[in-house]
Every structure is written in structure tokens, then in C-alpha cells.
Amino acid sequence: METGKIVVEIIGGKSTVTRCFSKYPLKFIIPTKVGSSQTDAVWIYSLTYGGGIVSVCPHPPLLSVNHNGDSISCDLTIGDGCTTVLTTQASTKVYKSVQSKCSEQVLEARIGSGALLAVVPDPVTCFSTAKYTQKQVFTVASDSNLLIIDWITSGRHESGERWDFALYKSTNRIFLEDNQPLFLDATFLEQGTTTTIAERMQDYQVLAMVVLLGPKLQHVQNQVQQHVKKMMSEQLHRPSVGRYGKTNADHCLMKPAFIASCSVFGPKGVGVVVRIAAMTTESVYRFLQHQLVSLEPLLGVSPYRSS
């Protein structure tokens, strides 16, 4: 059963929310205007009561929540020519699992012809022992535009937690209107019997994915591909530096603090996906700020500008 539904349509020449519904534990905040009054964009902030997602509801008779854990299902319809931003006010916290129960979020979105949907949340942060699954399914027209940011941090560093959650799974799927798959991706992290997630991740504390699709985002696609190519080329040709600043004779490479890769997908490379592993959350925020700043004329405000 849906816990949230939003429809955005062109009314009086402007992108307008024509339907908005949400129920516990989901809540939407839709500001009257974000950024320049000349910009036609609807901003939607998605929140959860209590500031996070829980594995079990403390008062099920009153709140009627799935007893297996919070189950949030959101449906978005972005009409032809509309521009919409779906974001958060802070990181999505997934609290500790109770009795090994799993929490989940599902987003299904349809993006019309010439429309733009930007899904730009803050990262997911899973607490120790948490179990969380996330599924996002997008249906697009041939000229739809879509930006997806999907990322996770290693946990609450201030509490000494690093990759201490039990399970995390995130899937992203993009289909054309004829149900032809355009992009299918899954990230799955689970504590192993022989190695932990932390051991496999080593010093990296953030995993992120950026998906860019559509003609309105072509300039961002070109920019990010050039930037990532240049950045990684410089890192791969940089010799390691010893403890006292001397270059090691064997020219071994340092472990980069920020790793990124780019690849295209779809017919004629209509989309670009960027994958990132980083040692700090702040470095990913800076990367996103820099790469997405040119979207301000489309969105009214550059994503992650004040993060």
C-alpha cells in the first residue's frame, strides 16, 4: 500500500503539484518557491517521522505500520514538460534492527516527455545491525530527463560505527515506456561469515552512484566525464609519497582518497553513470556540488549547495 503519492502537472504554464498524499511514517514538505522566481521547478522534501526509518513500530495498533519494519512506498508522476526535484533535509537514518527485521523504501516514478526529475537525497546512514532495502523504478519517455543520486555512508563515525550494519540493498531500474529496460543496477552489502563489510571496504567510507539521462542533462554528462577522466588520470600517474615527503623509489601508487569511474548506457550512449568510492562524505558532497552547479538555471538552486 502506498504511503505517499505526488502528481506534478503543467497548470497555467508552470510545474504544479496537483495531488499530494502521505501517511505515517512519510511526510512531504513542498515549499512555495525555491530559488529564482524565473525558474519553473517544484521542490519536494521527503521526511520521516522520528527522523529515520525503524525496523519495528513501537505502537502498531495506533499507527498501523508494517510489523516487519517501516515500509515506505512512494509514487511520483511527473507530467510532460514539468521539472521536479525530490530531496531530503538530512541523511536518511536507518535505526538498529529489532529481531532481525528489515526496513524498506520503494519509489516508483513516471517521467513524461520533456520532463525532468532530479532525485538528489542526502546519503543513507545505517546504524549498527540495521537491515535496509531500497528499490527505485523509473519509467521514461525517449526525451525524458532524469538525475539520480544514490549513496550510502559507512555509519555513525562519532559512535565508532563503520560498516557495522547487517544488510543494505539498493536497486535502481529505468525502463522506457514500452517496458524495455534501459538501466538496471543493484548494490548489495551484507556481513559475511569470513569477512566483514568493513574489511572489504578497507578505508573507504562512502559509496555513491550518479545517473544522468536525457538531453537537458547532456552538458552535465559531458562535463562529468571529462572531469572524472582528468581526475583519475592524474591520480594514477601520481607516485606515492613516503612518510617524510620523499617519493618512494618503486613509484607505488598511494591509495586514492576518492575513486570515480564513468560509463555510458542505453542506445547511442544516452545516459551516463558515475560510480564513486570515497574516504570522506565531505569529498562526495564537494564533487556533487561542483558537477551539478550548472543545473541551477533548471532547478532554481544548485543541488547540495549548502551541504
Protein backbone atom coordinates (compact mmCIF):
# COMPACT_ATOMS: atom_id res chain seq x y z
CA MET A 1 0.00 0.00 0.00
CA GLU A 2 1.28 3.46 -0.92
CA THR A 3 2.42 5.72 1.89
CA GLY A 4 2.93 8.65 -0.47
CA LYS A 5 1.79 9.86 -3.87
CA ILE A 6 2.55 13.05 -5.79
CA VAL A 7 1.41 14.22 -9.22
CA VAL A 8 3.05 17.21 -10.93
CA GLU A 9 1.41 18.78 -13.99
CA ILE A 10 1.62 21.97 -16.02
CA ILE A 11 -1.00 24.41 -14.76
CA GLY A 12 -1.03 27.95 -16.11
CA GLY A 13 2.28 27.31 -17.81
CA LYS A 14 4.03 26.27 -14.57
CA SER A 15 5.01 22.96 -12.98
CA THR A 16 2.44 22.48 -10.21
CA VAL A 17 1.68 19.78 -7.64
CA THR A 18 -1.90 18.74 -8.42
CA ARG A 19 -2.04 15.83 -5.99
CA CYS A 20 -0.16 15.17 -2.77
CA PHE A 21 -0.83 12.39 -0.29
CA SER A 22 1.28 10.93 2.51
CA LYS A 23 0.76 8.94 5.68
CA TYR A 24 2.88 7.71 8.56
CA PRO A 25 5.83 7.36 8.58
CA LEU A 26 6.23 9.52 5.45
CA LYS A 27 5.74 13.27 5.16
CA PHE A 28 6.23 15.70 2.28
CA ILE A 29 7.18 19.38 2.51
CA ILE A 30 6.64 21.38 -0.69
CA PRO A 31 7.95 24.97 -0.49
CA THR A 32 6.07 27.63 -2.42
CA LYS A 33 9.24 28.58 -4.25
CA VAL A 34 12.89 27.58 -4.19
CA GLY A 35 15.43 29.79 -5.90
CA SER A 36 14.71 32.30 -8.64
CA SER A 37 11.09 33.20 -9.42
CA GLN A 38 12.04 32.83 -13.08
CA THR A 39 12.72 29.11 -12.63
CA ASP A 40 9.95 26.60 -13.21
CA ALA A 41 10.71 23.79 -10.76
CA VAL A 42 8.82 22.06 -7.95
CA TRP A 43 10.92 21.04 -4.94
CA ILE A 44 9.68 18.18 -2.75
CA TYR A 45 11.30 17.33 0.59
CA SER A 46 10.71 13.79 1.79
CA LEU A 47 10.83 13.28 5.57
CA THR A 48 10.10 10.51 8.04
CA TYR A 49 8.59 11.00 11.47
CA GLY A 50 11.21 10.46 14.15
CA GLY A 51 13.98 11.43 11.75
CA GLY A 52 14.69 7.95 10.47
CA ILE A 53 13.48 4.51 9.46
CA VAL A 54 12.86 1.86 12.10
CA SER A 55 12.72 -1.91 11.90
CA VAL A 56 9.64 -2.24 14.09
CA CYS A 57 6.84 0.10 15.07
CA PRO A 58 6.59 0.85 18.82
CA HIS A 59 2.79 1.40 18.72
CA PRO A 60 1.34 -0.77 15.92
CA PRO A 61 -2.35 -0.60 16.97
CA LEU A 62 -2.35 3.20 16.77
CA LEU A 63 -0.11 3.75 13.76
CA SER A 64 -0.91 0.75 11.57
CA VAL A 65 2.65 0.28 10.36
CA ASN A 66 4.04 -2.90 8.84
CA HIS A 67 5.20 -5.00 11.81
CA ASN A 68 8.17 -6.24 9.84
CA GLY A 69 9.58 -2.71 9.92
CA ASP A 70 8.90 0.63 8.28
CA SER A 71 7.77 0.05 4.70
CA ILE A 72 7.62 3.28 2.72
CA SER A 73 6.22 3.24 -0.81
CA CYS A 74 6.13 6.45 -2.84
CA ASP A 75 4.57 7.01 -6.27
CA LEU A 76 5.53 10.01 -8.44
CA THR A 77 4.04 11.14 -11.73
CA ILE A 78 5.90 13.97 -13.46
CA GLY A 79 3.80 15.30 -16.34
CA ASP A 80 5.07 16.33 -19.76
CA GLY A 81 7.38 19.34 -19.61
CA CYS A 82 7.46 19.54 -15.80
CA THR A 83 10.58 19.94 -13.63
CA THR A 84 10.65 18.34 -10.18
CA VAL A 85 13.30 17.86 -7.50
CA LEU A 86 12.92 15.15 -4.85
CA THR A 87 15.30 15.66 -1.96
CA THR A 88 15.76 15.37 1.82
CA GLN A 89 16.66 17.74 4.65
CA ALA A 90 19.30 15.43 6.13
CA SER A 91 20.72 11.94 5.75
CA THR A 92 18.24 9.05 5.84
CA LYS A 93 18.93 7.26 9.12
CA VAL A 94 18.14 3.56 9.36
CA TYR A 95 17.95 2.57 13.01
CA LYS A 96 19.13 -0.67 14.56
CA SER A 97 17.30 -3.81 13.53
CA VAL A 98 14.96 -5.32 16.12
CA GLN A 99 14.61 -9.10 15.99
CA SER A 100 16.43 -9.14 12.61
CA LYS A 101 13.58 -7.27 10.92
CA CYS A 102 14.20 -5.30 7.74
CA SER A 103 13.06 -1.82 6.72
CA GLU A 104 12.36 -0.86 3.13
CA GLN A 105 11.70 2.08 0.82
CA VAL A 106 10.22 1.87 -2.67
CA LEU A 107 9.99 4.70 -5.18
CA GLU A 108 8.14 4.37 -8.47
CA ALA A 109 8.26 7.34 -10.81
CA ARG A 110 6.97 8.09 -14.28
CA ILE A 111 8.63 10.97 -16.12
CA GLY A 112 6.77 12.48 -19.06
CA SER A 113 8.01 13.79 -22.38
CA GLY A 114 10.45 16.65 -21.96
CA ALA A 115 10.10 16.47 -18.17
CA LEU A 116 12.97 16.50 -15.67
CA LEU A 117 13.12 14.64 -12.37
CA ALA A 118 16.12 15.11 -10.07
CA VAL A 119 16.34 12.65 -7.17
CA VAL A 120 19.04 14.26 -5.01
CA PRO A 121 18.85 13.00 -1.41
CA ASP A 122 21.43 13.17 1.31
CA PRO A 123 23.12 9.79 1.91
CA VAL A 124 21.64 6.80 3.69
CA THR A 125 23.28 6.13 7.06
CA CYS A 126 22.63 2.70 8.53
CA PHE A 127 23.12 2.18 12.27
CA SER A 128 24.78 -0.91 13.73
CA THR A 129 22.83 -4.15 12.97
CA ALA A 130 20.38 -2.30 10.67
CA LYS A 131 18.79 -4.10 7.72
CA TYR A 132 17.56 -1.96 4.86
CA THR A 133 16.42 -2.39 1.26
CA GLN A 134 15.65 0.32 -1.25
CA LYS A 135 14.10 -0.04 -4.69
CA GLN A 136 13.68 2.75 -7.24
CA VAL A 137 11.91 2.19 -10.57
CA PHE A 138 11.67 4.91 -13.22
CA THR A 139 9.65 4.86 -16.44
CA VAL A 140 10.78 7.41 -19.02
CA ALA A 141 9.87 8.66 -22.47
CA SER A 142 12.52 8.89 -25.18
CA ASP A 143 13.15 12.56 -24.33
CA SER A 144 12.67 12.43 -20.55
CA ASN A 145 15.41 13.77 -18.28
CA LEU A 146 16.49 12.06 -15.08
CA LEU A 147 19.14 12.66 -12.43
CA ILE A 148 19.58 10.05 -9.69
CA ILE A 149 21.96 10.32 -6.75
CA ASP A 150 22.08 7.12 -4.70
CA TRP A 151 24.63 6.91 -1.90
CA ILE A 152 25.43 5.41 1.48
CA THR A 153 27.90 6.22 4.26
CA SER A 154 29.60 3.68 6.50
CA GLY A 155 27.58 4.71 9.56
CA ARG A 156 27.82 6.82 12.71
CA HIS A 157 31.52 7.59 12.94
CA GLU A 158 31.04 9.59 16.15
CA SER A 159 29.75 6.37 17.77
CA GLY A 160 32.60 4.29 16.39
CA GLU A 161 30.41 2.55 13.82
CA ARG A 162 31.92 1.82 10.42
CA TRP A 163 30.07 -0.55 8.08
CA ASP A 164 28.51 -2.22 11.14
CA PHE A 165 25.02 -2.69 9.68
CA ALA A 166 23.82 -6.19 8.84
CA LEU A 167 22.41 -5.67 5.34
CA TYR A 168 21.96 -2.96 2.73
CA LYS A 169 20.49 -3.42 -0.74
CA SER A 170 19.69 -0.69 -3.25
CA THR A 171 18.32 -1.30 -6.74
CA ASN A 172 17.73 1.25 -9.49
CA ARG A 173 15.87 0.43 -12.68
CA ILE A 174 15.00 2.64 -15.63
CA PHE A 175 12.52 1.45 -18.24
CA LEU A 176 11.29 3.01 -21.47
CA GLU A 177 7.54 3.39 -21.94
CA ASP A 178 7.33 0.10 -23.82
CA ASN A 179 8.81 -1.60 -20.71
CA GLN A 180 12.16 -2.01 -22.44
CA PRO A 181 14.92 -1.95 -19.77
CA LEU A 182 17.34 0.95 -20.18
CA PHE A 183 19.37 0.76 -16.96
CA LEU A 184 19.46 -1.94 -14.27
CA ASP A 185 21.72 -1.65 -11.22
CA ALA A 186 22.00 -3.13 -7.74
CA THR A 187 24.27 -2.56 -4.75
CA PHE A 188 24.29 -5.29 -2.11
CA LEU A 189 26.29 -5.20 1.12
CA GLU A 190 25.97 -7.92 3.74
CA GLN A 191 28.12 -9.06 6.63
CA GLY A 192 29.94 -12.24 5.63
CA THR A 193 30.89 -15.29 7.63
CA THR A 194 34.57 -14.94 6.74
CA THR A 195 34.94 -11.20 6.06
CA THR A 196 33.02 -8.17 7.28
CA ILE A 197 31.83 -5.28 5.11
CA ALA A 198 34.40 -3.06 6.84
CA GLU A 199 37.23 -5.42 5.88
CA ARG A 200 36.09 -5.44 2.26
CA MET A 201 35.66 -1.66 2.12
CA GLN A 202 39.06 -1.03 3.75
CA ASP A 203 39.47 2.74 4.27
CA TYR A 204 36.53 3.81 2.12
CA GLN A 205 33.57 5.29 4.00
CA VAL A 206 31.16 6.24 1.19
CA LEU A 207 29.73 4.55 -1.89
CA ALA A 208 27.82 6.70 -4.38
CA MET A 209 26.23 6.45 -7.80
CA VAL A 210 25.17 9.29 -10.10
CA VAL A 211 22.91 8.63 -13.10
CA LEU A 212 22.39 11.30 -15.78
CA LEU A 213 19.89 10.79 -18.58
CA GLY A 214 18.30 13.00 -21.20
CA PRO A 215 19.00 15.95 -23.50
CA LYS A 216 18.64 18.62 -20.77
CA LEU A 217 21.50 16.97 -18.85
CA GLN A 218 23.81 16.45 -21.83
CA HIS A 219 26.09 19.31 -20.79
CA VAL A 220 26.46 17.78 -17.31
CA GLN A 221 27.18 14.38 -18.82
CA ASN A 222 29.97 15.82 -20.95
CA GLN A 223 31.41 17.81 -18.05
CA VAL A 224 31.45 14.99 -15.54
CA GLN A 225 33.04 12.55 -17.98
CA GLN A 226 35.85 14.98 -18.73
CA HIS A 227 36.34 15.80 -15.04
CA VAL A 228 36.46 12.17 -13.90
CA LYS A 229 38.84 11.21 -16.71
CA LYS A 230 41.20 14.04 -15.82
CA MET A 231 41.00 13.47 -12.07
CA MET A 232 41.64 9.73 -12.21
CA SER A 233 44.38 10.11 -14.82
CA GLU A 234 46.23 12.48 -12.51
CA GLN A 235 45.83 10.12 -9.56
CA LEU A 236 47.01 7.06 -11.47
CA HIS A 237 50.16 8.87 -12.60
CA ARG A 238 50.97 10.32 -9.19
CA PRO A 239 53.74 8.40 -7.35
CA SER A 240 53.29 7.63 -3.69
CA VAL A 241 54.89 9.88 -1.12
CA GLY A 242 56.77 8.46 1.83
CA ARG A 243 56.14 9.33 5.45
CA TYR A 244 58.52 12.28 5.35
CA GLY A 245 57.55 13.59 1.91
CA LYS A 246 60.10 11.70 -0.17
CA THR A 247 58.84 9.93 -3.24
CA ASN A 248 59.17 6.15 -2.96
CA ALA A 249 61.71 4.72 -5.32
CA ASP A 250 59.40 1.99 -6.61
CA HIS A 251 56.76 4.58 -7.57
CA CYS A 252 53.98 2.58 -5.96
CA LEU A 253 50.64 4.32 -6.05
CA MET A 254 49.00 5.74 -2.99
CA LYS A 255 45.52 4.52 -2.21
CA PRO A 256 43.38 7.33 -3.65
CA ALA A 257 41.07 9.03 -1.17
CA PHE A 258 38.48 9.46 -3.93
CA ILE A 259 37.85 7.00 -6.75
CA ALA A 260 35.39 7.61 -9.58
CA SER A 261 34.55 5.92 -12.85
CA CYS A 262 32.25 6.86 -15.74
CA SER A 263 30.42 4.75 -18.29
CA VAL A 264 27.63 5.31 -20.77
CA PHE A 265 24.48 3.24 -21.17
CA GLY A 266 21.48 2.97 -23.45
CA PRO A 267 21.11 3.40 -27.21
CA LYS A 268 23.78 5.73 -28.59
CA GLY A 269 25.04 6.30 -25.03
CA VAL A 270 22.06 8.44 -23.99
CA GLY A 271 22.90 8.05 -20.30
CA VAL A 272 25.97 8.29 -18.09
CA VAL A 273 26.57 6.56 -14.77
CA VAL A 274 29.27 7.67 -12.33
CA ARG A 275 30.38 5.35 -9.53
CA ILE A 276 32.28 6.68 -6.54
CA ALA A 277 34.15 5.29 -3.53
CA ALA A 278 35.49 7.88 -1.11
CA MET A 279 37.12 8.11 2.29
CA THR A 280 35.00 11.06 3.44
CA THR A 281 31.40 12.16 3.00
CA GLU A 282 32.55 15.76 2.59
CA SER A 283 34.57 14.91 -0.53
CA VAL A 284 31.47 13.42 -2.20
CA TYR A 285 29.40 16.49 -1.29
CA ARG A 286 32.08 18.69 -2.87
CA PHE A 287 32.15 16.57 -6.02
CA LEU A 288 28.36 16.74 -6.37
CA GLN A 289 28.31 20.49 -5.73
CA HIS A 290 30.91 21.08 -8.41
CA GLN A 291 29.44 18.76 -11.03
CA LEU A 292 25.80 19.83 -10.59
CA VAL A 293 26.24 23.59 -10.17
CA SER A 294 25.27 24.18 -13.81
CA LEU A 295 21.77 22.85 -13.06
CA GLU A 296 20.84 25.97 -11.12
CA PRO A 297 19.09 27.62 -14.11
CA LEU A 298 16.91 24.49 -14.47
CA LEU A 299 16.26 23.75 -10.80
CA GLY A 300 16.37 27.22 -9.23
CA VAL A 301 19.05 26.15 -6.74
CA SER A 302 22.14 24.06 -7.27
CA PRO A 303 21.80 20.64 -5.54
CA TYR A 304 23.80 20.26 -2.30
CA ARG A 305 24.69 23.96 -2.41
CA SER A 306 24.55 24.43 1.38
CA SER A 307 25.56 20.90 2.42
